[in-house]
Amino acid sequence: MAFIPAWRNFKRMQDFTVAAAALVYAAAVVNAMDQLPGSDAAVLRWTLLWPAAYAGFSLGVPLLVTPLKNWLAKYVWLSFKAGFGQTVGSVLGGMILPLGFGVFVWWQASHEVASGRVGVNVFACYAAGIGILAAQAILVRALERVPDIRKQIVEVD
């Protein structure tokens, strides 16, 4: 039993979004490593350790708290029904958004690093966003097991 092409494209787009956001974040961390004051351990603590806690929280809470999980799953389903990641325009828009996000994150992180105001806030906020994107990608797979939704996304022979 295979999924319809629209669903496969939607899943790929969700995965692409998470991967692109993670790569942008990694580039911002590498950029910060050369510019942040302090030891490598301190820089890693502010760019990876604390933000990992925020990412884990923003990933775990929507998957563990049932009302939030239901709300986010509904949002993901409505995104699919709206056509996100299924048309050429949507895919191009979906690729341009992470590129724009990357430029913005790079600029903001560089600006904060240069001004010396970097703390947990800049990197943690972006990590939390990545956690929510990952939760959405996980919920895409959970939606595949919902009988009413499965009927709509599985190809009929």
Protein backbone atom coordinates (compact mmCIF):
# COMPACT_ATOMS: atom_id res chain seq x y z
CA MET A 1 0.00 0.00 0.00
CA ALA A 2 1.54 3.27 -1.15
CA PHE A 3 0.73 6.83 -0.25
CA ILE A 4 -0.57 9.30 -2.80
CA PRO A 5 2.09 11.52 -4.40
CA ALA A 6 0.75 14.64 -2.68
CA TRP A 7 1.27 13.03 0.73
CA ARG A 8 4.76 11.82 -0.15
CA ASN A 9 5.68 15.33 -1.33
CA PHE A 10 4.21 16.82 1.84
CA LYS A 11 6.28 14.46 4.01
CA ARG A 12 9.42 15.29 2.06
CA MET A 13 8.75 19.00 2.46
CA GLN A 14 8.31 18.62 6.22
CA ASP A 15 11.60 16.70 6.42
CA PHE A 16 13.34 19.23 4.16
CA THR A 17 12.19 22.08 6.39
CA VAL A 18 13.64 20.44 9.50
CA ALA A 19 16.90 19.59 7.74
CA ALA A 20 17.26 23.10 6.27
CA ALA A 21 16.58 24.73 9.64
CA ALA A 22 19.14 22.45 11.33
CA LEU A 23 21.77 23.25 8.70
CA VAL A 24 21.13 26.98 9.06
CA TYR A 25 21.47 26.63 12.81
CA ALA A 26 24.72 24.66 12.44
CA ALA A 27 26.13 27.38 10.18
CA ALA A 28 25.21 30.03 12.75
CA VAL A 29 26.96 28.01 15.48
CA VAL A 30 30.11 27.61 13.36
CA ASN A 31 30.05 31.34 12.67
CA ALA A 32 29.65 32.09 16.37
CA MET A 33 32.52 29.78 17.35
CA ASP A 34 35.01 32.14 15.75
CA GLN A 35 33.44 35.31 17.09
CA LEU A 36 32.10 34.69 20.58
CA PRO A 37 34.35 35.58 23.48
CA GLY A 38 35.26 32.94 26.04
CA SER A 39 36.46 29.39 25.97
CA ASP A 40 35.24 26.83 23.48
CA ALA A 41 33.35 25.13 26.32
CA ALA A 42 31.50 28.36 27.15
CA VAL A 43 30.67 29.00 23.50
CA LEU A 44 29.38 25.46 23.06
CA ARG A 45 27.31 25.79 26.21
CA TRP A 46 25.56 28.93 24.86
CA THR A 47 25.18 27.70 21.29
CA LEU A 48 24.50 23.97 21.75
CA LEU A 49 23.88 22.82 25.32
CA TRP A 50 21.26 25.34 26.47
CA PRO A 51 19.57 25.52 23.07
CA ALA A 52 19.38 21.69 23.02
CA ALA A 53 17.27 21.88 26.18
CA TYR A 54 14.94 24.38 24.50
CA ALA A 55 14.76 22.24 21.35
CA GLY A 56 14.00 19.14 23.42
CA PHE A 57 11.30 20.95 25.35
CA SER A 58 9.64 22.37 22.23
CA LEU A 59 9.85 18.95 20.58
CA GLY A 60 8.64 16.94 23.55
CA VAL A 61 5.82 19.05 24.93
CA PRO A 62 3.71 19.09 21.75
CA LEU A 63 4.14 15.32 21.43
CA LEU A 64 3.43 14.50 25.08
CA VAL A 65 0.69 16.97 26.04
CA THR A 66 -2.42 15.60 24.35
CA PRO A 67 -4.28 18.89 23.73
CA LEU A 68 -1.15 20.43 22.17
CA LYS A 69 -0.50 17.28 20.16
CA ASN A 70 -4.05 17.29 18.82
CA TRP A 71 -3.86 20.98 17.96
CA LEU A 72 -0.51 20.63 16.19
CA ALA A 73 -1.64 17.49 14.35
CA LYS A 74 -4.71 19.39 13.14
CA TYR A 75 -2.46 22.23 11.98
CA VAL A 76 -0.24 19.77 10.11
CA TRP A 77 -3.27 18.14 8.49
CA LEU A 78 -4.69 21.53 7.46
CA SER A 79 -1.29 22.44 5.99
CA PHE A 80 -1.50 19.32 3.85
CA LYS A 81 -5.08 20.05 2.83
CA ALA A 82 -4.03 23.60 1.89
CA GLY A 83 -1.45 22.14 -0.51
CA PHE A 84 1.82 22.92 1.28
CA GLY A 85 4.71 21.09 -0.39
CA GLN A 86 2.60 19.63 -3.19
CA THR A 87 2.84 22.08 -6.08
CA VAL A 88 5.80 23.61 -7.86
CA GLY A 89 4.98 27.03 -6.40
CA SER A 90 4.61 25.63 -2.91
CA VAL A 91 7.88 23.72 -3.14
CA LEU A 92 9.72 26.78 -4.46
CA GLY A 93 8.17 28.88 -1.71
CA GLY A 94 9.10 26.18 0.78
CA MET A 95 12.70 26.35 -0.44
CA ILE A 96 12.86 30.13 -0.51
CA LEU A 97 11.57 30.44 3.06
CA PRO A 98 14.44 28.44 4.63
CA LEU A 99 16.90 30.37 2.47
CA GLY A 100 15.44 33.66 3.73
CA PHE A 101 15.38 32.24 7.25
CA GLY A 102 19.04 31.28 6.84
CA VAL A 103 20.05 34.76 5.77
CA PHE A 104 18.08 36.28 8.65
CA VAL A 105 19.52 33.90 11.26
CA TRP A 106 23.04 34.40 9.94
CA TRP A 107 22.61 38.18 10.05
CA GLN A 108 20.98 38.23 13.49
CA ALA A 109 23.43 35.81 15.10
CA SER A 110 26.39 37.68 13.56
CA HIS A 111 24.97 40.99 14.76
CA GLU A 112 24.42 39.67 18.29
CA VAL A 113 27.85 38.04 18.37
CA ALA A 114 29.55 41.24 17.15
CA SER A 115 27.72 43.32 19.75
CA GLY A 116 28.67 40.92 22.54
CA ARG A 117 25.05 40.43 23.61
CA VAL A 118 24.88 36.73 22.88
CA GLY A 119 23.38 34.58 25.55
CA VAL A 120 20.94 31.78 25.60
CA ASN A 121 18.22 33.87 23.98
CA VAL A 122 19.26 34.05 20.31
CA PHE A 123 20.35 30.47 19.82
CA ALA A 124 17.76 28.98 22.16
CA CYS A 125 14.89 30.65 20.34
CA TYR A 126 15.98 29.23 17.01
CA ALA A 127 16.57 25.80 18.55
CA ALA A 128 13.05 25.87 20.01
CA GLY A 129 11.70 26.63 16.54
CA ILE A 130 13.57 23.67 15.12
CA GLY A 131 12.06 21.50 17.87
CA ILE A 132 8.56 22.51 16.80
CA LEU A 133 9.37 21.83 13.15
CA ALA A 134 10.64 18.37 14.14
CA ALA A 135 7.45 17.74 16.12
CA GLN A 136 5.44 18.56 13.01
CA ALA A 137 7.51 16.13 10.93
CA ILE A 138 6.92 13.42 13.53
CA LEU A 139 3.20 14.13 13.59
CA VAL A 140 3.05 13.66 9.82
CA ARG A 141 3.94 10.03 10.44
CA ALA A 142 1.45 9.78 13.30
CA LEU A 143 -1.31 11.06 11.02
CA GLU A 144 -0.64 8.16 8.65
CA ARG A 145 -2.01 5.80 11.32
CA VAL A 146 -5.30 7.68 11.82
CA PRO A 147 -7.92 5.61 9.95
CA ASP A 148 -9.94 8.54 8.56
CA ILE A 149 -6.81 10.27 7.32
CA ARG A 150 -5.23 7.07 6.05
CA LYS A 151 -8.23 6.57 3.74
CA GLN A 152 -7.46 9.93 2.14
CA ILE A 153 -3.71 9.53 1.68
CA VAL A 154 -3.36 5.92 0.54
CA GLU A 155 -3.51 5.13 -3.17
CA VAL A 156 -6.40 2.91 -4.15
CA ASP A 157 -5.52 0.13 -6.58
